[in-house]
Amino acid sequence: SGLNAANIIALLSQRWSADKKELLRFATTKLPASAVQALPISVSSKTLLEDIHMMFLMLRLDHCFVTNRGALVGVVTTNAVINASRRGSTHNQDHNRANAV
């Protein structure tokens, strides 16, 4: 499975049942410090992928949330940026925005 846009959106969209909430109250998980972002990053759906790529490099991010007027509309991952560049999406600026991934 791993960390990808579909998994993140599914997790964020999931409704938590009373049983799951109860499990979360008592269960603990040890994660390395690098597994949790102290400050989640969000970008506008109008943000260019080149700008997102630069943010990923400078801030060592592997994903960021895409919002439109304050509502979550998607997630951009490092893999999505790499795949977009491989498809040659840099040739068309209209499709080279965060909401295209």
PDB file of N, CA and C in Angstrom:
ATOM      1  N   SER A   1       0.838  -1.185   0.000  1.00  0.00           N
ATOM      2  CA  SER A   1       0.000   0.000   0.000  1.00  0.00           C
ATOM      3  C   SER A   1       0.879   1.244   0.000  1.00  0.00           C
ATOM      4  N   GLY A   2       1.345   1.727   1.118  1.00  0.00           N
ATOM      5  CA  GLY A   2       2.243   2.862   1.150  1.00  0.00           C
ATOM      6  C   GLY A   2       1.523   4.192   1.117  1.00  0.00           C
ATOM      7  N   LEU A   3       2.328   5.225   1.089  1.00  0.00           N
ATOM      8  CA  LEU A   3       1.797   6.583   1.103  1.00  0.00           C
ATOM      9  C   LEU A   3       1.612   7.067  -0.328  1.00  0.00           C
ATOM     10  N   ASN A   4       0.368   7.178  -0.746  1.00  0.00           N
ATOM     11  CA  ASN A   4       0.083   7.751  -2.053  1.00  0.00           C
ATOM     12  C   ASN A   4      -1.196   8.566  -1.935  1.00  0.00           C
ATOM     13  N   ALA A   5      -1.496   9.312  -2.952  1.00  0.00           N
ATOM     14  CA  ALA A   5      -2.632  10.237  -2.903  1.00  0.00           C
ATOM     15  C   ALA A   5      -3.943   9.522  -2.587  1.00  0.00           C
ATOM     16  N   ALA A   6      -4.186   8.389  -3.210  1.00  0.00           N
ATOM     17  CA  ALA A   6      -5.445   7.675  -2.994  1.00  0.00           C
ATOM     18  C   ALA A   6      -5.578   7.209  -1.545  1.00  0.00           C
ATOM     19  N   ASN A   7      -4.490   6.680  -0.974  1.00  0.00           N
ATOM     20  CA  ASN A   7      -4.536   6.214   0.417  1.00  0.00           C
ATOM     21  C   ASN A   7      -4.758   7.363   1.387  1.00  0.00           C
ATOM     22  N   ILE A   8      -4.104   8.497   1.153  1.00  0.00           N
ATOM     23  CA  ILE A   8      -4.253   9.644   2.045  1.00  0.00           C
ATOM     24  C   ILE A   8      -5.676  10.183   1.977  1.00  0.00           C
ATOM     25  N   ILE A   9      -6.213  10.340   0.769  1.00  0.00           N
ATOM     26  CA  ILE A   9      -7.582  10.852   0.623  1.00  0.00           C
ATOM     27  C   ILE A   9      -8.576   9.883   1.258  1.00  0.00           C
ATOM     28  N   ALA A  10      -8.373   8.580   1.074  1.00  0.00           N
ATOM     29  CA  ALA A  10      -9.270   7.590   1.685  1.00  0.00           C
ATOM     30  C   ALA A  10      -9.238   7.703   3.201  1.00  0.00           C
ATOM     31  N   LEU A  11      -8.054   7.861   3.760  1.00  0.00           N
ATOM     32  CA  LEU A  11      -7.936   7.988   5.212  1.00  0.00           C
ATOM     33  C   LEU A  11      -8.609   9.256   5.713  1.00  0.00           C
ATOM     34  N   LEU A  12      -8.386  10.369   5.023  1.00  0.00           N
ATOM     35  CA  LEU A  12      -8.975  11.633   5.450  1.00  0.00           C
ATOM     36  C   LEU A  12     -10.489  11.651   5.281  1.00  0.00           C
ATOM     37  N   SER A  13     -10.998  10.886   4.326  1.00  0.00           N
ATOM     38  CA  SER A  13     -12.432  10.865   4.047  1.00  0.00           C
ATOM     39  C   SER A  13     -13.187   9.847   4.895  1.00  0.00           C
ATOM     40  N   GLN A  14     -12.447   8.992   5.565  1.00  0.00           N
ATOM     41  CA  GLN A  14     -13.057   7.889   6.301  1.00  0.00           C
ATOM     42  C   GLN A  14     -13.803   8.380   7.540  1.00  0.00           C
ATOM     43  N   ARG A  15     -14.963   7.823   7.756  1.00  0.00           N
ATOM     44  CA  ARG A  15     -15.717   8.093   8.986  1.00  0.00           C
ATOM     45  C   ARG A  15     -15.267   7.069  10.030  1.00  0.00           C
ATOM     46  N   TRP A  16     -15.049   7.557  11.222  1.00  0.00           N
ATOM     47  CA  TRP A  16     -14.567   6.671  12.278  1.00  0.00           C
ATOM     48  C   TRP A  16     -15.739   6.156  13.098  1.00  0.00           C
ATOM     49  N   SER A  17     -15.855   4.841  13.172  1.00  0.00           N
ATOM     50  CA  SER A  17     -16.909   4.226  13.978  1.00  0.00           C
ATOM     51  C   SER A  17     -16.554   4.367  15.456  1.00  0.00           C
ATOM     52  N   ALA A  18     -17.525   4.132  16.302  1.00  0.00           N
ATOM     53  CA  ALA A  18     -17.295   4.196  17.750  1.00  0.00           C
ATOM     54  C   ALA A  18     -16.217   3.193  18.162  1.00  0.00           C
ATOM     55  N   ASP A  19     -16.206   2.010  17.529  1.00  0.00           N
ATOM     56  CA  ASP A  19     -15.190   1.001  17.850  1.00  0.00           C
ATOM     57  C   ASP A  19     -13.787   1.491  17.518  1.00  0.00           C
ATOM     58  N   LYS A  20     -13.634   2.110  16.352  1.00  0.00           N
ATOM     59  CA  LYS A  20     -12.322   2.625  15.959  1.00  0.00           C
ATOM     60  C   LYS A  20     -11.878   3.743  16.888  1.00  0.00           C
ATOM     61  N   LYS A  21     -12.796   4.620  17.222  1.00  0.00           N
ATOM     62  CA  LYS A  21     -12.456   5.709  18.138  1.00  0.00           C
ATOM     63  C   LYS A  21     -12.007   5.161  19.486  1.00  0.00           C
ATOM     64  N   GLU A  22     -12.677   4.130  19.955  1.00  0.00           N
ATOM     65  CA  GLU A  22     -12.317   3.524  21.240  1.00  0.00           C
ATOM     66  C   GLU A  22     -10.927   2.897  21.168  1.00  0.00           C
ATOM     67  N   LEU A  23     -10.619   2.222  20.073  1.00  0.00           N
ATOM     68  CA  LEU A  23      -9.287   1.643  19.897  1.00  0.00           C
ATOM     69  C   LEU A  23      -8.210   2.718  19.887  1.00  0.00           C
ATOM     70  N   LEU A  24      -8.487   3.831  19.251  1.00  0.00           N
ATOM     71  CA  LEU A  24      -7.507   4.913  19.184  1.00  0.00           C
ATOM     72  C   LEU A  24      -7.223   5.516  20.553  1.00  0.00           C
ATOM     73  N   ARG A  25      -8.185   5.461  21.436  1.00  0.00           N
ATOM     74  CA  ARG A  25      -7.981   6.020  22.775  1.00  0.00           C
ATOM     75  C   ARG A  25      -6.936   5.239  23.549  1.00  0.00           C
ATOM     76  N   PHE A  26      -6.824   3.931  23.300  1.00  0.00           N
ATOM     77  CA  PHE A  26      -5.946   3.089  24.102  1.00  0.00           C
ATOM     78  C   PHE A  26      -4.718   2.599  23.351  1.00  0.00           C
ATOM     79  N   ALA A  27      -4.762   2.575  22.058  1.00  0.00           N
ATOM     80  CA  ALA A  27      -3.642   2.066  21.280  1.00  0.00           C
ATOM     81  C   ALA A  27      -2.583   3.142  21.098  1.00  0.00           C
ATOM     82  N   THR A  28      -1.348   2.742  21.209  1.00  0.00           N
ATOM     83  CA  THR A  28      -0.242   3.657  20.928  1.00  0.00           C
ATOM     84  C   THR A  28       0.635   3.029  19.862  1.00  0.00           C
ATOM     85  N   THR A  29       1.201   3.859  19.068  1.00  0.00           N
ATOM     86  CA  THR A  29       2.084   3.410  18.007  1.00  0.00           C
ATOM     87  C   THR A  29       3.366   4.204  18.084  1.00  0.00           C
ATOM     88  N   LYS A  30       4.474   3.514  18.038  1.00  0.00           N
ATOM     89  CA  LYS A  30       5.764   4.197  18.041  1.00  0.00           C
ATOM     90  C   LYS A  30       6.166   4.458  16.595  1.00  0.00           C
ATOM     91  N   LEU A  31       6.367   5.716  16.297  1.00  0.00           N
ATOM     92  CA  LEU A  31       6.774   6.123  14.955  1.00  0.00           C
ATOM     93  C   LEU A  31       8.088   6.875  15.047  1.00  0.00           C
ATOM     94  N   PRO A  32       8.914   6.771  14.025  1.00  0.00           N
ATOM     95  CA  PRO A  32      10.108   7.616  14.013  1.00  0.00           C
ATOM     96  C   PRO A  32       9.696   9.077  13.867  1.00  0.00           C
ATOM     97  N   ALA A  33      10.513   9.970  14.376  1.00  0.00           N
ATOM     98  CA  ALA A  33      10.183  11.398  14.315  1.00  0.00           C
ATOM     99  C   ALA A  33       9.940  11.858  12.884  1.00  0.00           C
ATOM    100  N   SER A  34      10.589  11.233  11.925  1.00  0.00           N
ATOM    101  CA  SER A  34      10.445  11.637  10.526  1.00  0.00           C
ATOM    102  C   SER A  34       9.101  11.229   9.937  1.00  0.00           C
ATOM    103  N   ALA A  35       8.330  10.396  10.622  1.00  0.00           N
ATOM    104  CA  ALA A  35       7.063   9.904  10.080  1.00  0.00           C
ATOM    105  C   ALA A  35       5.933  10.904  10.208  1.00  0.00           C
ATOM    106  N   VAL A  36       6.083  11.889  11.061  1.00  0.00           N
ATOM    107  CA  VAL A  36       5.008  12.848  11.297  1.00  0.00           C
ATOM    108  C   VAL A  36       5.501  14.248  10.971  1.00  0.00           C
ATOM    109  N   GLN A  37       4.766  14.925  10.108  1.00  0.00           N
ATOM    110  CA  GLN A  37       5.103  16.309   9.801  1.00  0.00           C
ATOM    111  C   GLN A  37       4.592  17.196  10.918  1.00  0.00           C
ATOM    112  N   ALA A  38       5.472  18.029  11.437  1.00  0.00           N
ATOM    113  CA  ALA A  38       5.058  18.938  12.504  1.00  0.00           C
ATOM    114  C   ALA A  38       4.064  19.969  11.982  1.00  0.00           C
ATOM    115  N   LEU A  39       4.212  20.357  10.734  1.00  0.00           N
ATOM    116  CA  LEU A  39       3.354  21.379  10.152  1.00  0.00           C
ATOM    117  C   LEU A  39       2.860  20.886   8.795  1.00  0.00           C
ATOM    118  N   PRO A  40       1.619  20.420   8.710  1.00  0.00           N
ATOM    119  CA  PRO A  40       1.117  19.974   7.409  1.00  0.00           C
ATOM    120  C   PRO A  40       1.106  21.145   6.423  1.00  0.00           C
ATOM    121  N   ILE A  41       1.494  20.886   5.218  1.00  0.00           N
ATOM    122  CA  ILE A  41       1.577  21.916   4.188  1.00  0.00           C
ATOM    123  C   ILE A  41       0.386  21.768   3.252  1.00  0.00           C
ATOM    124  N   SER A  42      -0.248  22.889   2.940  1.00  0.00           N
ATOM    125  CA  SER A  42      -1.311  22.870   1.943  1.00  0.00           C
ATOM    126  C   SER A  42      -1.023  23.932   0.893  1.00  0.00           C
ATOM    127  N   VAL A  43      -1.481  23.662  -0.308  1.00  0.00           N
ATOM    128  CA  VAL A  43      -1.299  24.581  -1.423  1.00  0.00           C
ATOM    129  C   VAL A  43      -2.637  24.777  -2.113  1.00  0.00           C
ATOM    130  N   SER A  44      -2.748  25.862  -2.840  1.00  0.00           N
ATOM    131  CA  SER A  44      -3.937  26.133  -3.638  1.00  0.00           C
ATOM    132  C   SER A  44      -3.957  25.207  -4.846  1.00  0.00           C
ATOM    133  N   SER A  45      -5.140  24.930  -5.346  1.00  0.00           N
ATOM    134  CA  SER A  45      -5.253  24.115  -6.556  1.00  0.00           C
ATOM    135  C   SER A  45      -4.661  24.820  -7.770  1.00  0.00           C
ATOM    136  N   LYS A  46      -4.341  26.097  -7.644  1.00  0.00           N
ATOM    137  CA  LYS A  46      -3.729  26.859  -8.735  1.00  0.00           C
ATOM    138  C   LYS A  46      -2.200  26.833  -8.689  1.00  0.00           C
ATOM    139  N   THR A  47      -1.616  26.192  -7.675  1.00  0.00           N
ATOM    140  CA  THR A  47      -0.164  26.172  -7.507  1.00  0.00           C
ATOM    141  C   THR A  47       0.490  25.343  -8.605  1.00  0.00           C
ATOM    142  N   LEU A  48       1.519  25.884  -9.220  1.00  0.00           N
ATOM    143  CA  LEU A  48       2.248  25.168 -10.264  1.00  0.00           C
ATOM    144  C   LEU A  48       2.999  23.981  -9.674  1.00  0.00           C
ATOM    145  N   LEU A  49       3.067  22.886 -10.429  1.00  0.00           N
ATOM    146  CA  LEU A  49       3.795  21.714  -9.963  1.00  0.00           C
ATOM    147  C   LEU A  49       5.275  22.010  -9.767  1.00  0.00           C
ATOM    148  N   GLU A  50       5.829  22.916 -10.566  1.00  0.00           N
ATOM    149  CA  GLU A  50       7.231  23.298 -10.379  1.00  0.00           C
ATOM    150  C   GLU A  50       7.440  23.916  -9.001  1.00  0.00           C
ATOM    151  N   ASP A  51       6.476  24.724  -8.560  1.00  0.00           N
ATOM    152  CA  ASP A  51       6.570  25.335  -7.230  1.00  0.00           C
ATOM    153  C   ASP A  51       6.439  24.278  -6.135  1.00  0.00           C
ATOM    154  N   ILE A  52       5.546  23.331  -6.339  1.00  0.00           N
ATOM    155  CA  ILE A  52       5.384  22.251  -5.365  1.00  0.00           C
ATOM    156  C   ILE A  52       6.659  21.417  -5.302  1.00  0.00           C
ATOM    157  N   HIS A  53       7.228  21.127  -6.456  1.00  0.00           N
ATOM    158  CA  HIS A  53       8.475  20.366  -6.499  1.00  0.00           C
ATOM    159  C   HIS A  53       9.567  21.085  -5.712  1.00  0.00           C
ATOM    160  N   MET A  54       9.672  22.395  -5.885  1.00  0.00           N
ATOM    161  CA  MET A  54      10.679  23.170  -5.157  1.00  0.00           C
ATOM    162  C   MET A  54      10.416  23.101  -3.648  1.00  0.00           C
ATOM    163  N   MET A  55       9.151  23.191  -3.251  1.00  0.00           N
ATOM    164  CA  MET A  55       8.807  23.079  -1.824  1.00  0.00           C
ATOM    165  C   MET A  55       9.203  21.705  -1.284  1.00  0.00           C
ATOM    166  N   PHE A  56       8.933  20.658  -2.057  1.00  0.00           N
ATOM    167  CA  PHE A  56       9.287  19.305  -1.629  1.00  0.00           C
ATOM    168  C   PHE A  56      10.789  19.197  -1.395  1.00  0.00           C
ATOM    169  N   LEU A  57      11.568  19.771  -2.318  1.00  0.00           N
ATOM    170  CA  LEU A  57      13.022  19.709  -2.182  1.00  0.00           C
ATOM    171  C   LEU A  57      13.518  20.514  -0.990  1.00  0.00           C
ATOM    172  N   MET A  58      13.036  21.738  -0.868  1.00  0.00           N
ATOM    173  CA  MET A  58      13.530  22.629   0.182  1.00  0.00           C
ATOM    174  C   MET A  58      13.092  22.190   1.578  1.00  0.00           C
ATOM    175  N   LEU A  59      11.862  21.688   1.690  1.00  0.00           N
ATOM    176  CA  LEU A  59      11.315  21.336   2.998  1.00  0.00           C
ATOM    177  C   LEU A  59      11.353  19.834   3.280  1.00  0.00           C
ATOM    178  N   ARG A  60      11.880  19.072   2.315  1.00  0.00           N
ATOM    179  CA  ARG A  60      11.961  17.612   2.438  1.00  0.00           C
ATOM    180  C   ARG A  60      10.592  16.984   2.706  1.00  0.00           C
ATOM    181  N   LEU A  61       9.626  17.407   1.920  1.00  0.00           N
ATOM    182  CA  LEU A  61       8.267  16.885   2.037  1.00  0.00           C
ATOM    183  C   LEU A  61       8.086  15.705   1.098  1.00  0.00           C
ATOM    184  N   ASP A  62       7.139  14.845   1.409  1.00  0.00           N
ATOM    185  CA  ASP A  62       6.784  13.789   0.464  1.00  0.00           C
ATOM    186  C   ASP A  62       5.335  13.915   0.004  1.00  0.00           C
ATOM    187  N   HIS A  63       4.603  14.866   0.597  1.00  0.00           N
ATOM    188  CA  HIS A  63       3.238  15.131   0.148  1.00  0.00           C
ATOM    189  C   HIS A  63       2.794  16.495   0.660  1.00  0.00           C
ATOM    190  N   CYS A  64       1.758  17.027   0.042  1.00  0.00           N
ATOM    191  CA  CYS A  64       1.105  18.232   0.553  1.00  0.00           C
ATOM    192  C   CYS A  64      -0.373  18.145   0.169  1.00  0.00           C
ATOM    193  N   PHE A  65      -1.180  18.848   0.928  1.00  0.00           N
ATOM    194  CA  PHE A  65      -2.621  18.835   0.705  1.00  0.00           C
ATOM    195  C   PHE A  65      -3.001  19.955  -0.250  1.00  0.00           C
ATOM    196  N   VAL A  66      -3.935  19.685  -1.150  1.00  0.00           N
ATOM    197  CA  VAL A  66      -4.398  20.669  -2.123  1.00  0.00           C
ATOM    198  C   VAL A  66      -5.785  21.136  -1.696  1.00  0.00           C
ATOM    199  N   THR A  67      -5.944  22.450  -1.599  1.00  0.00           N
ATOM    200  CA  THR A  67      -7.228  23.003  -1.184  1.00  0.00           C
ATOM    201  C   THR A  67      -7.767  23.961  -2.237  1.00  0.00           C
ATOM    202  N   ASN A  68      -9.073  24.098  -2.242  1.00  0.00           N
ATOM    203  CA  ASN A  68      -9.741  25.070  -3.092  1.00  0.00           C
ATOM    204  C   ASN A  68     -10.759  25.785  -2.212  1.00  0.00           C
ATOM    205  N   ARG A  69     -10.529  27.058  -1.978  1.00  0.00           N
ATOM    206  CA  ARG A  69     -11.389  27.863  -1.104  1.00  0.00           C
ATOM    207  C   ARG A  69     -11.541  27.242   0.280  1.00  0.00           C
ATOM    208  N   GLY A  70     -10.443  26.691   0.785  1.00  0.00           N
ATOM    209  CA  GLY A  70     -10.428  26.132   2.128  1.00  0.00           C
ATOM    210  C   GLY A  70     -10.864  24.690   2.244  1.00  0.00           C
ATOM    211  N   ALA A  71     -11.347  24.097   1.158  1.00  0.00           N
ATOM    212  CA  ALA A  71     -11.799  22.704   1.193  1.00  0.00           C
ATOM    213  C   ALA A  71     -10.729  21.795   0.592  1.00  0.00           C
ATOM    214  N   LEU A  72     -10.488  20.663   1.226  1.00  0.00           N
ATOM    215  CA  LEU A  72      -9.529  19.692   0.723  1.00  0.00           C
ATOM    216  C   LEU A  72     -10.049  19.087  -0.576  1.00  0.00           C
ATOM    217  N   VAL A  73      -9.241  19.189  -1.642  1.00  0.00           N
ATOM    218  CA  VAL A  73      -9.646  18.617  -2.926  1.00  0.00           C
ATOM    219  C   VAL A  73      -8.682  17.537  -3.402  1.00  0.00           C
ATOM    220  N   GLY A  74      -7.562  17.374  -2.709  1.00  0.00           N
ATOM    221  CA  GLY A  74      -6.626  16.345  -3.123  1.00  0.00           C
ATOM    222  C   GLY A  74      -5.333  16.388  -2.352  1.00  0.00           C
ATOM    223  N   VAL A  75      -4.449  15.498  -2.759  1.00  0.00           N
ATOM    224  CA  VAL A  75      -3.125  15.395  -2.169  1.00  0.00           C
ATOM    225  C   VAL A  75      -2.137  15.230  -3.310  1.00  0.00           C
ATOM    226  N   VAL A  76      -1.030  15.952  -3.243  1.00  0.00           N
ATOM    227  CA  VAL A  76       0.047  15.781  -4.215  1.00  0.00           C
ATOM    228  C   VAL A  76       1.185  15.078  -3.495  1.00  0.00           C
ATOM    229  N   THR A  77       1.676  14.000  -4.092  1.00  0.00           N
ATOM    230  CA  THR A  77       2.801  13.259  -3.528  1.00  0.00           C
ATOM    231  C   THR A  77       4.022  13.429  -4.421  1.00  0.00           C
ATOM    232  N   THR A  78       5.169  13.075  -3.881  1.00  0.00           N
ATOM    233  CA  THR A  78       6.402  13.121  -4.664  1.00  0.00           C
ATOM    234  C   THR A  78       6.256  12.271  -5.923  1.00  0.00           C
ATOM    235  N   ASN A  79       5.685  11.082  -5.776  1.00  0.00           N
ATOM    236  CA  ASN A  79       5.493  10.200  -6.935  1.00  0.00           C
ATOM    237  C   ASN A  79       4.611  10.843  -7.990  1.00  0.00           C
ATOM    238  N   ALA A  80       3.581  11.561  -7.574  1.00  0.00           N
ATOM    239  CA  ALA A  80       2.694  12.220  -8.534  1.00  0.00           C
ATOM    240  C   ALA A  80       3.439  13.291  -9.315  1.00  0.00           C
ATOM    241  N   VAL A  81       4.299  14.042  -8.638  1.00  0.00           N
ATOM    242  CA  VAL A  81       5.080  15.080  -9.319  1.00  0.00           C
ATOM    243  C   VAL A  81       6.041  14.441 -10.311  1.00  0.00           C
ATOM    244  N   ILE A  82       6.696  13.366  -9.898  1.00  0.00           N
ATOM    245  CA  ILE A  82       7.630  12.665 -10.791  1.00  0.00           C
ATOM    246  C   ILE A  82       6.891  12.110 -12.004  1.00  0.00           C
ATOM    247  N   ASN A  83       5.749  11.467 -11.774  1.00  0.00           N
ATOM    248  CA  ASN A  83       4.973  10.903 -12.889  1.00  0.00           C
ATOM    249  C   ASN A  83       4.483  11.991 -13.839  1.00  0.00           C
ATOM    250  N   ALA A  84       4.067  13.134 -13.300  1.00  0.00           N
ATOM    251  CA  ALA A  84       3.609  14.237 -14.151  1.00  0.00           C
ATOM    252  C   ALA A  84       4.747  14.738 -15.029  1.00  0.00           C
ATOM    253  N   SER A  85       5.944  14.823 -14.469  1.00  0.00           N
ATOM    254  CA  SER A  85       7.073  15.310 -15.268  1.00  0.00           C
ATOM    255  C   SER A  85       7.462  14.293 -16.329  1.00  0.00           C
ATOM    256  N   ARG A  86       7.323  13.012 -16.024  1.00  0.00           N
ATOM    257  CA  ARG A  86       7.621  11.963 -17.014  1.00  0.00           C
ATOM    258  C   ARG A  86       6.633  11.983 -18.173  1.00  0.00           C
ATOM    259  N   ARG A  87       5.387  12.349 -17.887  1.00  0.00           N
ATOM    260  CA  ARG A  87       4.364  12.419 -18.938  1.00  0.00           C
ATOM    261  C   ARG A  87       4.543  13.647 -19.817  1.00  0.00           C
ATOM    262  N   GLY A  88       5.457  14.527 -19.438  1.00  0.00           N
ATOM    263  CA  GLY A  88       5.677  15.721 -20.232  1.00  0.00           C
ATOM    264  C   GLY A  88       4.661  16.803 -19.975  1.00  0.00           C
ATOM    265  N   SER A  89       4.046  16.793 -18.788  1.00  0.00           N
ATOM    266  CA  SER A  89       3.012  17.787 -18.494  1.00  0.00           C
ATOM    267  C   SER A  89       3.580  19.193 -18.380  1.00  0.00           C
ATOM    268  N   THR A  90       4.893  19.349 -18.345  1.00  0.00           N
ATOM    269  CA  THR A  90       5.479  20.681 -18.232  1.00  0.00           C
ATOM    270  C   THR A  90       5.295  21.492 -19.507  1.00  0.00           C
ATOM    271  N   HIS A  91       4.878  20.845 -20.587  1.00  0.00           N
ATOM    272  CA  HIS A  91       4.684  21.573 -21.840  1.00  0.00           C
ATOM    273  C   HIS A  91       3.398  22.383 -21.858  1.00  0.00           C
ATOM    274  N   ASN A  92       2.458  22.056 -21.007  1.00  0.00           N
ATOM    275  CA  ASN A  92       1.175  22.751 -21.015  1.00  0.00           C
ATOM    276  C   ASN A  92       0.899  23.332 -19.642  1.00  0.00           C
ATOM    277  N   GLN A  93       1.073  24.649 -19.487  1.00  0.00           N
ATOM    278  CA  GLN A  93       0.923  25.310 -18.194  1.00  0.00           C
ATOM    279  C   GLN A  93      -0.485  25.169 -17.623  1.00  0.00           C
ATOM    280  N   ASP A  94      -1.519  25.106 -18.476  1.00  0.00           N
ATOM    281  CA  ASP A  94      -2.890  24.998 -17.972  1.00  0.00           C
ATOM    282  C   ASP A  94      -3.109  23.696 -17.206  1.00  0.00           C
ATOM    283  N   HIS A  95      -2.421  22.625 -17.608  1.00  0.00           N
ATOM    284  CA  HIS A  95      -2.596  21.334 -16.952  1.00  0.00           C
ATOM    285  C   HIS A  95      -1.510  21.073 -15.924  1.00  0.00           C
ATOM    286  N   ASN A  96      -0.605  22.006 -15.760  1.00  0.00           N
ATOM    287  CA  ASN A  96       0.531  21.819 -14.873  1.00  0.00           C
ATOM    288  C   ASN A  96       0.279  22.481 -13.523  1.00  0.00           C
ATOM    289  N   ARG A  97      -0.877  22.275 -12.988  1.00  0.00           N
ATOM    290  CA  ARG A  97      -1.243  22.835 -11.690  1.00  0.00           C
ATOM    291  C   ARG A  97      -1.568  21.701 -10.731  1.00  0.00           C
ATOM    292  N   ALA A  98      -1.605  22.020  -9.453  1.00  0.00           N
ATOM    293  CA  ALA A  98      -1.784  20.995  -8.426  1.00  0.00           C
ATOM    294  C   ALA A  98      -3.061  20.195  -8.615  1.00  0.00           C
ATOM    295  N   ASN A  99      -4.129  20.812  -9.115  1.00  0.00           N
ATOM    296  CA  ASN A  99      -5.388  20.080  -9.235  1.00  0.00           C
ATOM    297  C   ASN A  99      -5.379  19.083 -10.388  1.00  0.00           C
ATOM    298  N   ALA A 100      -4.339  19.077 -11.193  1.00  0.00           N
ATOM    299  CA  ALA A 100      -4.270  18.150 -12.314  1.00  0.00           C
ATOM    300  C   ALA A 100      -3.695  16.803 -11.900  1.00  0.00           C
ATOM    301  N   VAL A 101      -3.184  16.698 -10.669  1.00  0.00           N
ATOM    302  CA  VAL A 101      -2.545  15.453 -10.233  1.00  0.00           C
ATOM    303  C   VAL A 101      -3.515  14.626  -9.437  1.00  0.00           C
TER     304      VAL A 101
END
